[in-house]
Structures are given as C-alpha cells and as structure tokens.
Amino acid sequence: MMRKQKPVKDSFVNMTELVLPNDTNTLNNLMGGRMMHLMDIAAAVAAQKHSNRIVVTASVDNVSFREGIKLGSVITLQAQVTRAFSSSMEVHIDVWAEDIPSGTKFKSNEAFFTFVAVDQSGRPIDVPEALPETPEEISLFDGALRRRQLRLLLAGRLKPEDATELKSLFAIG
C-alpha cells in the first residue's frame, strides 16, 4: 500500500524570539544550549505538522555556531521537513539573527534534526511521504538519503557495505 504524500511546504515553521538577559552568557551572547532548545522546538513543530503525530527527537546533526548573537537581537528559526522515511523525518532548520536598530541580519546556524513519529504508547508509527516542489526542496530531499545513511553508519546501525548512497561518494575509479 502506498503511503499518503504531503507537500513539505505544509510543515514550514517560522518562529521568532527576542534574546533576553536570562538567555545569555557572561559575554551577553545567546547561550548555545538555549539556541539548541529553540531549534529543537521549531523542528519538532515542523515534524508534527507533517506527521500529525507526537514526535521525539532521534538525532541532531552537526550544529556550528558561526557568530555570537547579542542580547536584544531577534532570532528567527525556519524549519521544514525535507524527507520522510517510514516513521522518521529529517527536518532542516535555518536560524537568522537580526539587530533591528542597526539593520543588520545574518544566518547564525543551520542544522538537520531527525524525529520519529510515535503512537500513544511510544512505538514508531508510519508518516506520510514528503513531496518536495521547489528546486531547494528537491535538492534537500535528494540529499536526505545520503545524510540518513551517514547518521546510521556513524551510530553503528548500518553496515558500510549497505550504505548504497554513500558508496558512490567514496568510490575510487
């Protein structure tokens, strides 16, 4: 039976926060843990919108902090499902920081989170397939299987010989 398809744009989340004193470290920059917390919330909402289910965080890919985000800045988190597998979904998140008085805006973070949809008992449950439509959505969708195989390989849940999407990247001709 073919799974239902759902456009990835339907999972889009745009979340805005003001960096307040309680969110900052002693240098008056947003704390990394607070940023991760906000990213997890935005990504979880996107996964819930796609699956219409309870979701749990399964993994977080590399998150690098490019530049400090100062006290009083406005941060905007944009998250969207890139691809759905049987019960798991990859979510891409961009984080933008803006100093409104100075008119400056920059991209501070980008990451991929993986969520698993679960039933009321906490058991994984199937989710709709993700249907990409724009060139950017298609590009993220196309790379998702490689990223998934790399995650599983690094977690010891996939044998190197079964990483079919990764073999072509490392093939020596």
N, C-alpha and C. Protein backbone atom coordinates (compact mmCIF):
# COMPACT_ATOMS: atom_id res chain seq x y z
N MET A 1 0.84 -1.18 0.00
CA MET A 1 0.00 0.00 0.00
C MET A 1 0.88 1.25 0.00
N MET A 2 0.60 2.17 -0.90
CA MET A 2 1.38 3.40 -1.00
C MET A 2 0.99 4.36 0.12
N ARG A 3 2.02 4.95 0.74
CA ARG A 3 1.76 5.92 1.80
C ARG A 3 1.23 7.22 1.21
N LYS A 4 0.45 7.90 2.00
CA LYS A 4 -0.07 9.21 1.62
C LYS A 4 1.11 10.17 1.44
N GLN A 5 0.99 11.11 0.51
CA GLN A 5 2.01 12.13 0.31
C GLN A 5 1.52 13.46 0.86
N LYS A 6 2.47 14.25 1.34
CA LYS A 6 2.14 15.56 1.88
C LYS A 6 3.22 16.55 1.45
N PRO A 7 2.84 17.69 0.88
CA PRO A 7 3.85 18.67 0.46
C PRO A 7 4.72 19.11 1.65
N VAL A 8 6.03 19.23 1.42
CA VAL A 8 6.91 19.65 2.52
C VAL A 8 6.58 21.07 2.97
N LYS A 9 6.06 21.90 2.08
CA LYS A 9 5.74 23.28 2.46
C LYS A 9 4.69 23.32 3.58
N ASP A 10 3.88 22.28 3.69
CA ASP A 10 2.86 22.23 4.75
C ASP A 10 3.47 22.10 6.15
N SER A 11 4.75 21.72 6.22
CA SER A 11 5.41 21.56 7.52
C SER A 11 6.19 22.81 7.93
N PHE A 12 6.20 23.83 7.10
CA PHE A 12 7.03 25.02 7.36
C PHE A 12 6.66 25.70 8.67
N VAL A 13 7.70 26.03 9.45
CA VAL A 13 7.54 26.73 10.73
C VAL A 13 8.43 27.97 10.70
N ASN A 14 7.89 29.09 11.11
CA ASN A 14 8.64 30.33 11.24
C ASN A 14 8.45 30.80 12.68
N MET A 15 9.50 30.71 13.48
CA MET A 15 9.41 31.03 14.91
C MET A 15 10.35 32.19 15.22
N THR A 16 9.87 33.18 15.94
CA THR A 16 10.67 34.35 16.27
C THR A 16 10.79 34.51 17.78
N GLU A 17 12.00 34.83 18.24
CA GLU A 17 12.27 35.02 19.67
C GLU A 17 13.15 36.25 19.86
N LEU A 18 12.99 36.90 20.98
CA LEU A 18 13.84 38.01 21.38
C LEU A 18 14.85 37.48 22.38
N VAL A 19 16.13 37.82 22.19
CA VAL A 19 17.18 37.36 23.12
C VAL A 19 17.16 38.25 24.35
N LEU A 20 16.76 37.67 25.46
CA LEU A 20 16.62 38.38 26.73
C LEU A 20 17.79 38.08 27.66
N PRO A 21 17.97 38.87 28.73
CA PRO A 21 19.12 38.66 29.62
C PRO A 21 19.25 37.22 30.16
N ASN A 22 18.14 36.59 30.46
CA ASN A 22 18.19 35.23 31.00
C ASN A 22 18.66 34.19 29.97
N ASP A 23 18.68 34.56 28.68
CA ASP A 23 19.09 33.66 27.60
C ASP A 23 20.59 33.76 27.29
N THR A 24 21.29 34.68 27.95
CA THR A 24 22.67 34.98 27.56
C THR A 24 23.71 34.48 28.56
N ASN A 25 24.95 34.41 28.04
CA ASN A 25 26.09 34.06 28.88
C ASN A 25 26.72 35.35 29.43
N THR A 26 27.89 35.23 30.07
CA THR A 26 28.53 36.40 30.68
C THR A 26 29.08 37.39 29.65
N LEU A 27 29.13 37.00 28.38
CA LEU A 27 29.54 37.92 27.30
C LEU A 27 28.34 38.58 26.64
N ASN A 28 27.14 38.36 27.21
CA ASN A 28 25.88 38.88 26.67
C ASN A 28 25.55 38.33 25.29
N ASN A 29 26.00 37.10 25.02
CA ASN A 29 25.63 36.38 23.80
C ASN A 29 24.64 35.28 24.15
N LEU A 30 23.78 34.96 23.21
CA LEU A 30 22.83 33.86 23.39
C LEU A 30 23.59 32.57 23.71
N MET A 31 23.18 31.87 24.76
CA MET A 31 23.83 30.61 25.12
C MET A 31 23.52 29.53 24.08
N GLY A 32 24.51 28.71 23.76
CA GLY A 32 24.36 27.65 22.77
C GLY A 32 23.26 26.67 23.15
N GLY A 33 23.16 26.34 24.42
CA GLY A 33 22.12 25.40 24.86
C GLY A 33 20.73 25.96 24.66
N ARG A 34 20.59 27.26 24.87
CA ARG A 34 19.29 27.91 24.64
C ARG A 34 18.95 27.87 23.15
N MET A 35 19.97 28.10 22.29
CA MET A 35 19.75 28.03 20.84
C MET A 35 19.31 26.62 20.44
N MET A 36 19.98 25.60 20.98
CA MET A 36 19.62 24.22 20.67
C MET A 36 18.18 23.92 21.10
N HIS A 37 17.81 24.43 22.25
CA HIS A 37 16.44 24.26 22.77
C HIS A 37 15.42 24.83 21.79
N LEU A 38 15.68 26.05 21.32
CA LEU A 38 14.75 26.69 20.39
C LEU A 38 14.72 25.96 19.05
N MET A 39 15.88 25.50 18.58
CA MET A 39 15.94 24.76 17.33
C MET A 39 15.14 23.46 17.44
N ASP A 40 15.26 22.78 18.58
CA ASP A 40 14.53 21.53 18.79
C ASP A 40 13.03 21.76 18.78
N ILE A 41 12.58 22.85 19.37
CA ILE A 41 11.14 23.16 19.38
C ILE A 41 10.64 23.43 17.96
N ALA A 42 11.34 24.30 17.22
CA ALA A 42 10.90 24.65 15.87
C ALA A 42 10.88 23.39 14.98
N ALA A 43 11.92 22.57 15.08
CA ALA A 43 12.00 21.36 14.26
C ALA A 43 10.91 20.36 14.65
N ALA A 44 10.63 20.24 15.94
CA ALA A 44 9.59 19.31 16.40
C ALA A 44 8.22 19.74 15.88
N VAL A 45 7.95 21.04 15.89
CA VAL A 45 6.67 21.52 15.38
C VAL A 45 6.54 21.19 13.89
N ALA A 46 7.62 21.38 13.12
CA ALA A 46 7.59 21.04 11.70
C ALA A 46 7.31 19.56 11.50
N ALA A 47 7.95 18.71 12.28
CA ALA A 47 7.74 17.26 12.18
C ALA A 47 6.31 16.89 12.57
N GLN A 48 5.77 17.54 13.60
CA GLN A 48 4.39 17.28 14.00
C GLN A 48 3.41 17.71 12.91
N LYS A 49 3.68 18.87 12.30
CA LYS A 49 2.79 19.35 11.24
C LYS A 49 2.78 18.37 10.06
N HIS A 50 3.94 17.77 9.76
CA HIS A 50 3.99 16.82 8.65
C HIS A 50 3.29 15.51 8.99
N SER A 51 3.54 15.02 10.19
CA SER A 51 3.06 13.68 10.55
C SER A 51 1.70 13.66 11.23
N ASN A 52 1.28 14.80 11.80
CA ASN A 52 0.07 14.84 12.63
C ASN A 52 0.15 13.84 13.77
N ARG A 53 1.34 13.69 14.30
CA ARG A 53 1.61 12.73 15.38
C ARG A 53 2.50 13.36 16.45
N ILE A 54 2.60 12.68 17.57
CA ILE A 54 3.59 13.01 18.59
C ILE A 54 4.94 12.64 17.98
N VAL A 55 5.94 13.48 18.20
CA VAL A 55 7.28 13.17 17.67
C VAL A 55 8.31 13.27 18.78
N VAL A 56 9.38 12.49 18.61
CA VAL A 56 10.51 12.54 19.54
C VAL A 56 11.78 12.79 18.74
N THR A 57 12.71 13.51 19.34
CA THR A 57 13.98 13.80 18.68
C THR A 57 14.81 12.54 18.65
N ALA A 58 15.29 12.16 17.47
CA ALA A 58 16.13 10.97 17.33
C ALA A 58 17.60 11.35 17.19
N SER A 59 17.89 12.42 16.47
CA SER A 59 19.28 12.85 16.31
C SER A 59 19.36 14.30 15.87
N VAL A 60 20.53 14.87 16.11
CA VAL A 60 20.82 16.23 15.67
C VAL A 60 22.16 16.16 14.96
N ASP A 61 22.19 16.63 13.73
CA ASP A 61 23.46 16.67 13.00
C ASP A 61 24.31 17.82 13.53
N ASN A 62 25.47 17.93 13.00
CA ASN A 62 26.41 18.97 13.39
C ASN A 62 25.75 20.35 13.43
N VAL A 63 25.90 21.03 14.56
CA VAL A 63 25.42 22.40 14.69
C VAL A 63 26.65 23.25 15.02
N SER A 64 27.00 24.16 14.14
CA SER A 64 28.12 25.04 14.42
C SER A 64 27.59 26.44 14.65
N PHE A 65 28.24 27.15 15.54
CA PHE A 65 27.83 28.50 15.89
C PHE A 65 28.77 29.45 15.17
N ARG A 66 28.27 30.10 14.14
CA ARG A 66 29.11 30.93 13.26
C ARG A 66 29.51 32.25 13.90
N GLU A 67 28.60 32.85 14.62
CA GLU A 67 28.83 34.19 15.17
C GLU A 67 27.92 34.36 16.38
N GLY A 68 28.43 35.04 17.41
CA GLY A 68 27.63 35.26 18.60
C GLY A 68 26.39 36.09 18.31
N ILE A 69 25.31 35.78 19.00
CA ILE A 69 24.06 36.54 18.86
C ILE A 69 23.89 37.35 20.14
N LYS A 70 23.87 38.63 19.98
CA LYS A 70 23.88 39.55 21.12
C LYS A 70 22.52 39.71 21.81
N LEU A 71 22.59 40.05 23.07
CA LEU A 71 21.42 40.40 23.87
C LEU A 71 20.63 41.47 23.13
N GLY A 72 19.31 41.29 23.05
CA GLY A 72 18.44 42.23 22.37
C GLY A 72 18.19 41.92 20.91
N SER A 73 18.94 40.95 20.38
CA SER A 73 18.73 40.55 18.98
C SER A 73 17.43 39.78 18.85
N VAL A 74 16.91 39.77 17.63
CA VAL A 74 15.73 38.98 17.31
C VAL A 74 16.22 37.79 16.50
N ILE A 75 15.83 36.59 16.91
CA ILE A 75 16.22 35.42 16.13
C ILE A 75 14.98 34.82 15.49
N THR A 76 15.15 34.39 14.26
CA THR A 76 14.08 33.76 13.50
C THR A 76 14.55 32.37 13.11
N LEU A 77 13.78 31.38 13.51
CA LEU A 77 14.08 29.99 13.18
C LEU A 77 13.09 29.53 12.13
N GLN A 78 13.60 28.96 11.05
CA GLN A 78 12.75 28.45 9.97
C GLN A 78 13.05 26.97 9.81
N ALA A 79 12.02 26.16 9.97
CA ALA A 79 12.19 24.71 9.92
C ALA A 79 11.17 24.10 8.95
N GLN A 80 11.59 23.02 8.31
CA GLN A 80 10.71 22.33 7.36
C GLN A 80 11.20 20.91 7.17
N VAL A 81 10.27 19.97 7.08
CA VAL A 81 10.62 18.58 6.79
C VAL A 81 11.23 18.54 5.39
N THR A 82 12.34 17.80 5.25
CA THR A 82 12.97 17.65 3.94
C THR A 82 12.60 16.32 3.29
N ARG A 83 12.47 15.29 4.14
CA ARG A 83 12.13 13.96 3.62
C ARG A 83 11.59 13.12 4.78
N ALA A 84 10.68 12.22 4.45
CA ALA A 84 10.13 11.31 5.45
C ALA A 84 10.44 9.88 5.02
N PHE A 85 10.84 9.07 5.98
CA PHE A 85 11.09 7.67 5.71
C PHE A 85 9.89 6.91 6.28
N SER A 86 10.01 5.74 6.83
CA SER A 86 8.79 5.06 7.28
C SER A 86 8.18 5.77 8.49
N SER A 87 8.95 5.92 9.57
CA SER A 87 8.43 6.62 10.75
C SER A 87 9.27 7.84 11.11
N SER A 88 10.40 8.01 10.44
CA SER A 88 11.28 9.12 10.76
C SER A 88 11.19 10.23 9.71
N MET A 89 11.55 11.43 10.15
CA MET A 89 11.52 12.60 9.28
C MET A 89 12.78 13.41 9.52
N GLU A 90 13.40 13.85 8.43
CA GLU A 90 14.52 14.78 8.55
C GLU A 90 13.95 16.18 8.45
N VAL A 91 14.40 17.07 9.33
CA VAL A 91 13.95 18.46 9.35
C VAL A 91 15.17 19.37 9.22
N HIS A 92 15.09 20.31 8.29
CA HIS A 92 16.16 21.30 8.10
C HIS A 92 15.77 22.58 8.82
N ILE A 93 16.74 23.18 9.53
CA ILE A 93 16.48 24.41 10.27
C ILE A 93 17.53 25.45 9.90
N ASP A 94 17.07 26.67 9.60
CA ASP A 94 17.93 27.83 9.43
C ASP A 94 17.62 28.78 10.57
N VAL A 95 18.67 29.40 11.13
CA VAL A 95 18.48 30.39 12.19
C VAL A 95 19.10 31.71 11.74
N TRP A 96 18.30 32.75 11.78
CA TRP A 96 18.73 34.09 11.40
C TRP A 96 18.73 34.97 12.64
N ALA A 97 19.74 35.82 12.77
CA ALA A 97 19.82 36.78 13.87
C ALA A 97 19.74 38.18 13.28
N GLU A 98 18.99 39.04 13.97
CA GLU A 98 18.80 40.39 13.46
C GLU A 98 18.93 41.40 14.59
N ASP A 99 19.74 42.41 14.35
CA ASP A 99 19.84 43.55 15.25
C ASP A 99 18.99 44.63 14.60
N ILE A 100 17.78 44.78 15.06
CA ILE A 100 16.82 45.67 14.40
C ILE A 100 17.29 47.13 14.40
N PRO A 101 17.80 47.69 15.54
CA PRO A 101 18.23 49.09 15.49
C PRO A 101 19.32 49.37 14.44
N SER A 102 20.26 48.43 14.27
CA SER A 102 21.35 48.68 13.30
C SER A 102 20.99 48.21 11.89
N GLY A 103 19.92 47.43 11.78
CA GLY A 103 19.50 46.94 10.47
C GLY A 103 20.35 45.80 9.93
N THR A 104 21.10 45.12 10.81
CA THR A 104 21.94 44.01 10.36
C THR A 104 21.24 42.68 10.60
N LYS A 105 21.45 41.76 9.67
CA LYS A 105 20.85 40.43 9.76
C LYS A 105 21.86 39.43 9.20
N PHE A 106 22.00 38.28 9.88
CA PHE A 106 22.91 37.26 9.38
C PHE A 106 22.39 35.87 9.75
N LYS A 107 22.82 34.89 8.98
CA LYS A 107 22.46 33.49 9.27
C LYS A 107 23.46 32.98 10.30
N SER A 108 22.95 32.55 11.45
CA SER A 108 23.84 32.13 12.52
C SER A 108 24.00 30.62 12.61
N ASN A 109 22.98 29.87 12.26
CA ASN A 109 23.03 28.42 12.40
C ASN A 109 22.22 27.75 11.30
N GLU A 110 22.57 26.50 11.06
CA GLU A 110 21.83 25.65 10.14
C GLU A 110 22.06 24.22 10.63
N ALA A 111 21.04 23.40 10.60
CA ALA A 111 21.21 22.02 11.07
C ALA A 111 20.11 21.13 10.51
N PHE A 112 20.34 19.84 10.63
CA PHE A 112 19.34 18.83 10.32
C PHE A 112 19.04 18.07 11.60
N PHE A 113 17.77 17.96 11.92
CA PHE A 113 17.31 17.17 13.06
C PHE A 113 16.53 15.99 12.49
N THR A 114 16.52 14.88 13.21
CA THR A 114 15.71 13.74 12.82
C THR A 114 14.71 13.46 13.94
N PHE A 115 13.46 13.29 13.55
CA PHE A 115 12.39 12.99 14.50
C PHE A 115 11.72 11.69 14.11
N VAL A 116 11.19 11.00 15.10
CA VAL A 116 10.42 9.78 14.86
C VAL A 116 9.01 10.03 15.38
N ALA A 117 8.02 9.71 14.56
CA ALA A 117 6.62 9.82 14.97
C ALA A 117 6.27 8.59 15.79
N VAL A 118 5.57 8.80 16.88
CA VAL A 118 5.21 7.68 17.76
C VAL A 118 3.72 7.71 18.10
N ASP A 119 3.21 6.53 18.46
CA ASP A 119 1.82 6.45 18.89
C ASP A 119 1.75 6.75 20.39
N GLN A 120 0.57 6.63 20.96
CA GLN A 120 0.38 6.96 22.38
C GLN A 120 1.21 6.08 23.32
N SER A 121 1.65 4.93 22.84
CA SER A 121 2.47 4.03 23.65
C SER A 121 3.96 4.27 23.43
N GLY A 122 4.29 5.20 22.55
CA GLY A 122 5.69 5.50 22.28
C GLY A 122 6.32 4.63 21.21
N ARG A 123 5.50 3.84 20.49
CA ARG A 123 6.02 2.99 19.41
C ARG A 123 6.02 3.76 18.10
N PRO A 124 7.09 3.59 17.29
CA PRO A 124 7.13 4.28 15.99
C PRO A 124 5.91 3.97 15.14
N ILE A 125 5.48 4.98 14.39
CA ILE A 125 4.29 4.85 13.56
C ILE A 125 4.57 5.50 12.20
N ASP A 126 4.00 4.96 11.14
CA ASP A 126 4.25 5.46 9.79
C ASP A 126 3.81 6.91 9.62
N VAL A 127 4.55 7.61 8.76
CA VAL A 127 4.24 9.01 8.45
C VAL A 127 4.05 9.15 6.94
N PRO A 128 3.38 10.22 6.50
CA PRO A 128 3.22 10.43 5.05
C PRO A 128 4.57 10.67 4.38
N GLU A 129 4.66 10.36 3.11
CA GLU A 129 5.85 10.69 2.33
C GLU A 129 5.91 12.20 2.16
N ALA A 130 7.11 12.74 2.06
CA ALA A 130 7.29 14.17 1.83
C ALA A 130 7.32 14.42 0.33
N LEU A 131 6.59 15.42 -0.11
CA LEU A 131 6.52 15.76 -1.52
C LEU A 131 7.18 17.12 -1.74
N PRO A 132 8.44 17.12 -2.24
CA PRO A 132 9.11 18.40 -2.50
C PRO A 132 8.60 19.02 -3.80
N GLU A 133 8.55 20.36 -3.85
CA GLU A 133 8.03 21.02 -5.04
C GLU A 133 8.99 22.06 -5.63
N THR A 134 9.67 22.83 -4.80
CA THR A 134 10.57 23.86 -5.31
C THR A 134 11.96 23.26 -5.56
N PRO A 135 12.81 23.93 -6.33
CA PRO A 135 14.17 23.42 -6.54
C PRO A 135 14.95 23.20 -5.23
N GLU A 136 14.81 24.12 -4.28
CA GLU A 136 15.50 23.96 -2.99
C GLU A 136 14.95 22.74 -2.24
N GLU A 137 13.63 22.58 -2.21
CA GLU A 137 13.03 21.42 -1.53
C GLU A 137 13.50 20.12 -2.18
N ILE A 138 13.58 20.10 -3.50
CA ILE A 138 14.02 18.90 -4.23
C ILE A 138 15.48 18.59 -3.92
N SER A 139 16.31 19.62 -3.85
CA SER A 139 17.73 19.43 -3.54
C SER A 139 17.90 18.86 -2.13
N LEU A 140 17.19 19.41 -1.16
CA LEU A 140 17.27 18.89 0.22
C LEU A 140 16.73 17.47 0.29
N PHE A 141 15.64 17.20 -0.41
CA PHE A 141 15.04 15.86 -0.46
C PHE A 141 16.05 14.86 -1.03
N ASP A 142 16.69 15.24 -2.16
CA ASP A 142 17.63 14.33 -2.82
C ASP A 142 18.83 13.99 -1.95
N GLY A 143 19.29 14.92 -1.12
CA GLY A 143 20.45 14.67 -0.25
C GLY A 143 20.10 13.97 1.04
N ALA A 144 18.83 13.88 1.36
CA ALA A 144 18.41 13.34 2.66
C ALA A 144 18.77 11.87 2.86
N LEU A 145 18.70 11.06 1.82
CA LEU A 145 19.02 9.64 1.97
C LEU A 145 20.50 9.46 2.30
N ARG A 146 21.38 10.24 1.66
CA ARG A 146 22.82 10.18 1.98
C ARG A 146 23.04 10.59 3.43
N ARG A 147 22.41 11.69 3.86
CA ARG A 147 22.58 12.14 5.24
C ARG A 147 22.06 11.09 6.22
N ARG A 148 20.95 10.46 5.88
CA ARG A 148 20.38 9.43 6.75
C ARG A 148 21.32 8.24 6.87
N GLN A 149 21.86 7.79 5.73
CA GLN A 149 22.78 6.65 5.76
C GLN A 149 24.04 6.99 6.56
N LEU A 150 24.53 8.21 6.43
CA LEU A 150 25.70 8.61 7.20
C LEU A 150 25.40 8.61 8.69
N ARG A 151 24.23 9.12 9.09
CA ARG A 151 23.83 9.10 10.50
C ARG A 151 23.79 7.66 11.03
N LEU A 152 23.14 6.78 10.25
CA LEU A 152 23.01 5.38 10.68
C LEU A 152 24.36 4.67 10.74
N LEU A 153 25.23 4.97 9.79
CA LEU A 153 26.57 4.40 9.76
C LEU A 153 27.36 4.84 10.99
N LEU A 154 27.33 6.13 11.29
CA LEU A 154 28.05 6.65 12.45
C LEU A 154 27.49 6.12 13.77
N ALA A 155 26.20 5.83 13.79
CA ALA A 155 25.57 5.30 15.00
C ALA A 155 25.75 3.78 15.13
N GLY A 156 26.38 3.16 14.13
CA GLY A 156 26.58 1.72 14.16
C GLY A 156 25.33 0.92 13.85
N ARG A 157 24.35 1.56 13.23
CA ARG A 157 23.09 0.90 12.91
C ARG A 157 23.00 0.51 11.44
N LEU A 158 24.06 0.77 10.66
CA LEU A 158 24.11 0.42 9.26
C LEU A 158 25.52 -0.05 8.95
N LYS A 159 25.63 -1.17 8.24
CA LYS A 159 26.93 -1.69 7.85
C LYS A 159 27.44 -0.87 6.66
N PRO A 160 28.76 -0.62 6.61
CA PRO A 160 29.30 0.17 5.49
C PRO A 160 28.90 -0.37 4.12
N GLU A 161 28.86 -1.69 3.98
CA GLU A 161 28.50 -2.26 2.67
C GLU A 161 27.04 -2.02 2.30
N ASP A 162 26.22 -1.66 3.27
CA ASP A 162 24.81 -1.39 3.00
C ASP A 162 24.53 0.10 2.76
N ALA A 163 25.55 0.92 2.88
CA ALA A 163 25.39 2.37 2.68
C ALA A 163 25.46 2.68 1.18
N THR A 164 24.45 2.27 0.46
CA THR A 164 24.45 2.35 -1.01
C THR A 164 24.60 3.77 -1.53
N GLU A 165 23.98 4.74 -0.88
CA GLU A 165 24.05 6.14 -1.33
C GLU A 165 25.42 6.76 -1.07
N LEU A 166 26.15 6.21 -0.09
CA LEU A 166 27.44 6.77 0.25
C LEU A 166 28.57 6.16 -0.57
N LYS A 167 28.37 4.94 -1.06
CA LYS A 167 29.43 4.25 -1.81
C LYS A 167 29.92 5.08 -3.00
N SER A 168 28.99 5.71 -3.71
CA SER A 168 29.37 6.48 -4.90
C SER A 168 30.22 7.70 -4.52
N LEU A 169 30.05 8.22 -3.31
CA LEU A 169 30.86 9.37 -2.88
C LEU A 169 32.31 8.99 -2.65
N PHE A 170 32.54 7.72 -2.25
CA PHE A 170 33.88 7.29 -1.89
C PHE A 170 34.48 6.29 -2.88
N ALA A 171 33.80 6.06 -3.98
CA ALA A 171 34.29 5.11 -4.97
C ALA A 171 35.57 5.63 -5.61
N ILE A 172 36.55 4.76 -5.67
CA ILE A 172 37.82 5.12 -6.29
C ILE A 172 37.85 4.50 -7.67
N GLY A 173 38.00 5.36 -8.67
CA GLY A 173 37.89 4.88 -10.04
C GLY A 173 39.20 4.66 -10.62
